[in-house]
N, C-alpha and C. Protein backbone atom coordinates (compact mmCIF):
# COMPACT_ATOMS: atom_id res chain seq x y z
N MET A 1 102.87 97.89 118.00
CA MET A 1 103.02 99.27 117.56
C MET A 1 104.37 99.80 118.03
N LYS A 2 104.93 100.70 117.21
CA LYS A 2 106.18 101.36 117.57
C LYS A 2 106.00 102.86 117.43
N SER A 3 106.60 103.60 118.35
CA SER A 3 106.62 105.06 118.27
C SER A 3 107.96 105.47 117.68
N ILE A 4 107.92 106.29 116.63
CA ILE A 4 109.14 106.75 115.97
C ILE A 4 109.05 108.25 115.74
N SER A 5 110.18 108.86 115.42
CA SER A 5 110.22 110.27 115.04
C SER A 5 110.72 110.35 113.61
N ALA A 6 109.98 111.06 112.77
CA ALA A 6 110.36 111.25 111.38
C ALA A 6 110.87 112.67 111.22
N VAL A 7 112.14 112.80 110.83
CA VAL A 7 112.78 114.10 110.67
C VAL A 7 112.86 114.42 109.19
N VAL A 8 112.29 115.57 108.79
CA VAL A 8 112.36 116.01 107.40
C VAL A 8 113.65 116.81 107.24
N ALA A 9 114.58 116.27 106.47
CA ALA A 9 115.94 116.82 106.39
C ALA A 9 115.97 118.29 105.95
N GLU A 10 115.20 118.65 104.97
CA GLU A 10 115.28 120.01 104.43
C GLU A 10 114.78 121.07 105.41
N SER A 11 113.77 120.74 106.21
CA SER A 11 113.19 121.74 107.10
C SER A 11 113.55 121.52 108.57
N GLY A 12 113.96 120.32 108.92
CA GLY A 12 114.23 120.00 110.32
C GLY A 12 112.97 119.67 111.10
N GLN A 13 111.82 119.72 110.43
CA GLN A 13 110.54 119.40 111.07
C GLN A 13 110.58 117.95 111.57
N ILE A 14 110.07 117.74 112.78
CA ILE A 14 110.02 116.40 113.35
C ILE A 14 108.55 116.04 113.59
N ARG A 15 108.18 114.87 113.10
CA ARG A 15 106.82 114.36 113.31
C ARG A 15 106.91 113.07 114.11
N ASP A 16 106.23 113.01 115.22
CA ASP A 16 106.16 111.78 116.00
C ASP A 16 105.02 110.93 115.44
N LEU A 17 105.33 109.68 115.15
CA LEU A 17 104.37 108.77 114.54
C LEU A 17 104.28 107.48 115.33
N THR A 18 103.15 106.83 115.24
CA THR A 18 102.99 105.47 115.74
C THR A 18 102.72 104.61 114.52
N ILE A 19 103.56 103.58 114.34
CA ILE A 19 103.40 102.73 113.17
C ILE A 19 103.00 101.32 113.62
N MET A 20 102.32 100.64 112.74
CA MET A 20 101.82 99.29 112.99
C MET A 20 102.69 98.28 112.24
N PRO A 21 102.64 97.02 112.65
CA PRO A 21 103.37 95.99 111.91
C PRO A 21 103.00 96.03 110.43
N GLY A 22 104.00 95.91 109.57
CA GLY A 22 103.78 95.92 108.13
C GLY A 22 103.83 97.29 107.49
N THR A 23 104.04 98.35 108.28
CA THR A 23 104.08 99.71 107.73
C THR A 23 105.25 99.85 106.77
N THR A 24 104.98 100.40 105.57
CA THR A 24 106.00 100.57 104.55
C THR A 24 106.52 102.01 104.53
N ALA A 25 107.64 102.20 103.85
CA ALA A 25 108.21 103.54 103.69
C ALA A 25 107.21 104.46 103.00
N GLU A 26 106.56 103.95 101.98
CA GLU A 26 105.57 104.75 101.24
C GLU A 26 104.45 105.24 102.16
N GLU A 27 103.99 104.40 103.06
CA GLU A 27 102.92 104.78 103.99
C GLU A 27 103.40 105.86 104.96
N ILE A 28 104.64 105.77 105.41
CA ILE A 28 105.18 106.80 106.31
C ILE A 28 105.29 108.13 105.59
N ILE A 29 105.81 108.12 104.37
CA ILE A 29 105.94 109.35 103.58
C ILE A 29 104.57 109.99 103.37
N ARG A 30 103.59 109.18 103.05
CA ARG A 30 102.23 109.69 102.85
C ARG A 30 101.67 110.27 104.14
N GLU A 31 101.89 109.59 105.28
CA GLU A 31 101.37 110.07 106.55
C GLU A 31 101.99 111.41 106.96
N VAL A 32 103.26 111.60 106.64
CA VAL A 32 103.93 112.86 106.95
C VAL A 32 103.46 113.97 106.00
N GLY A 33 102.90 113.58 104.83
CA GLY A 33 102.38 114.57 103.89
C GLY A 33 103.40 115.06 102.88
N LEU A 34 104.39 114.22 102.58
CA LEU A 34 105.44 114.60 101.62
C LEU A 34 105.19 113.94 100.27
N PRO A 35 105.79 114.50 99.21
CA PRO A 35 105.67 113.89 97.89
C PRO A 35 106.30 112.49 97.86
N SER A 36 105.84 111.66 96.97
CA SER A 36 106.28 110.26 96.92
C SER A 36 107.74 110.07 96.52
N ASN A 37 108.41 111.14 96.04
CA ASN A 37 109.82 110.99 95.66
C ASN A 37 110.76 111.06 96.86
N TYR A 38 110.26 111.32 98.05
CA TYR A 38 111.10 111.37 99.25
C TYR A 38 111.59 109.97 99.60
N LEU A 39 112.76 109.93 100.23
CA LEU A 39 113.37 108.68 100.66
C LEU A 39 113.49 108.67 102.17
N ILE A 40 113.50 107.47 102.76
CA ILE A 40 113.66 107.32 104.20
C ILE A 40 114.95 106.55 104.47
N THR A 41 115.75 107.08 105.39
CA THR A 41 116.96 106.37 105.83
C THR A 41 117.01 106.37 107.36
N ARG A 42 117.91 105.57 107.88
CA ARG A 42 118.14 105.54 109.33
C ARG A 42 119.15 106.60 109.73
N GLY A 43 119.77 107.26 108.76
CA GLY A 43 120.74 108.30 109.07
C GLY A 43 121.73 108.50 107.96
N ARG A 44 122.62 109.44 108.14
CA ARG A 44 123.63 109.79 107.15
C ARG A 44 124.45 108.56 106.75
N GLY A 45 124.61 108.38 105.44
CA GLY A 45 125.41 107.28 104.92
C GLY A 45 124.69 105.94 104.86
N GLN A 46 123.43 105.90 105.28
CA GLN A 46 122.66 104.67 105.26
C GLN A 46 121.88 104.56 103.94
N SER A 47 121.69 103.35 103.48
CA SER A 47 120.89 103.13 102.26
C SER A 47 119.43 103.40 102.55
N PRO A 48 118.71 103.99 101.58
CA PRO A 48 117.29 104.26 101.79
C PRO A 48 116.47 102.96 101.77
N PHE A 49 115.36 103.02 102.47
CA PHE A 49 114.39 101.92 102.41
C PHE A 49 113.69 101.96 101.06
N GLY A 50 113.32 100.82 100.52
CA GLY A 50 112.50 100.77 99.31
C GLY A 50 111.09 101.25 99.63
N GLN A 51 110.40 101.79 98.65
CA GLN A 51 109.06 102.34 98.87
C GLN A 51 108.10 101.32 99.48
N ASP A 52 108.21 100.07 99.05
CA ASP A 52 107.29 99.05 99.57
C ASP A 52 107.93 98.16 100.63
N GLU A 53 109.08 98.59 101.16
CA GLU A 53 109.78 97.82 102.18
C GLU A 53 109.10 97.97 103.54
N ASN A 54 109.04 96.87 104.28
CA ASN A 54 108.45 96.85 105.61
C ASN A 54 109.41 97.53 106.59
N VAL A 55 109.19 98.79 106.88
CA VAL A 55 110.05 99.57 107.75
C VAL A 55 109.88 99.13 109.21
N TYR A 56 108.70 98.73 109.58
CA TYR A 56 108.40 98.32 110.96
C TYR A 56 109.39 97.28 111.45
N GLU A 57 109.70 96.31 110.62
CA GLU A 57 110.59 95.22 111.01
C GLU A 57 112.05 95.64 111.11
N LYS A 58 112.42 96.79 110.51
CA LYS A 58 113.82 97.19 110.41
C LYS A 58 114.24 98.27 111.39
N ILE A 59 113.29 98.87 112.09
CA ILE A 59 113.64 99.94 113.02
C ILE A 59 113.16 99.60 114.43
N ASN A 60 113.73 100.29 115.39
CA ASN A 60 113.41 100.05 116.80
C ASN A 60 112.41 101.07 117.31
N ASN A 61 111.69 100.69 118.34
CA ASN A 61 110.78 101.60 119.00
C ASN A 61 111.59 102.80 119.50
N GLY A 62 111.10 104.02 119.27
CA GLY A 62 111.76 105.23 119.72
C GLY A 62 112.83 105.76 118.78
N GLU A 63 113.07 105.08 117.67
CA GLU A 63 114.13 105.48 116.74
C GLU A 63 113.71 106.68 115.89
N LYS A 64 114.72 107.46 115.46
CA LYS A 64 114.51 108.53 114.50
C LYS A 64 114.81 108.00 113.11
N ILE A 65 113.97 108.38 112.16
CA ILE A 65 114.25 108.12 110.75
C ILE A 65 114.32 109.47 110.05
N PHE A 66 114.94 109.50 108.89
CA PHE A 66 115.17 110.76 108.19
C PHE A 66 114.57 110.69 106.80
N LEU A 67 113.81 111.70 106.44
CA LEU A 67 113.17 111.78 105.14
C LEU A 67 113.83 112.90 104.35
N SER A 68 114.21 112.60 103.11
CA SER A 68 114.86 113.62 102.28
C SER A 68 114.58 113.32 100.81
N THR A 69 114.83 114.33 100.00
CA THR A 69 114.71 114.14 98.56
C THR A 69 115.93 113.39 98.06
N PRO A 70 115.81 112.71 96.93
CA PRO A 70 116.98 112.00 96.38
C PRO A 70 118.10 112.97 96.03
N VAL A 71 119.33 112.51 96.17
CA VAL A 71 120.50 113.31 95.85
C VAL A 71 121.18 112.69 94.63
N GLU A 72 121.47 113.51 93.63
CA GLU A 72 122.18 113.04 92.46
C GLU A 72 123.66 113.26 92.66
N VAL A 73 124.44 112.23 92.35
CA VAL A 73 125.89 112.29 92.50
C VAL A 73 126.50 112.20 91.12
N GLY A 74 127.50 113.03 90.86
CA GLY A 74 128.17 113.00 89.57
C GLY A 74 127.65 114.09 88.65
N ALA A 75 128.26 114.15 87.49
CA ALA A 75 127.87 115.20 86.56
C ALA A 75 127.21 114.64 85.33
């Protein structure tokens, strides 16, 4: 198990979570109670995790992750 903090970018709300091996981005978004269109990143300028990507294997215990809505670039 890993303890992480999930920061919702728009509100600044922080949720402390405990995740199990195999936990996906979609499961974290659902646990936080956000719509499925939210994305998870490790921080500014980082690529988002895929919805079915195993986040547990990619982050460290005690790490913060960031949840935000998709951003459209260009016109």
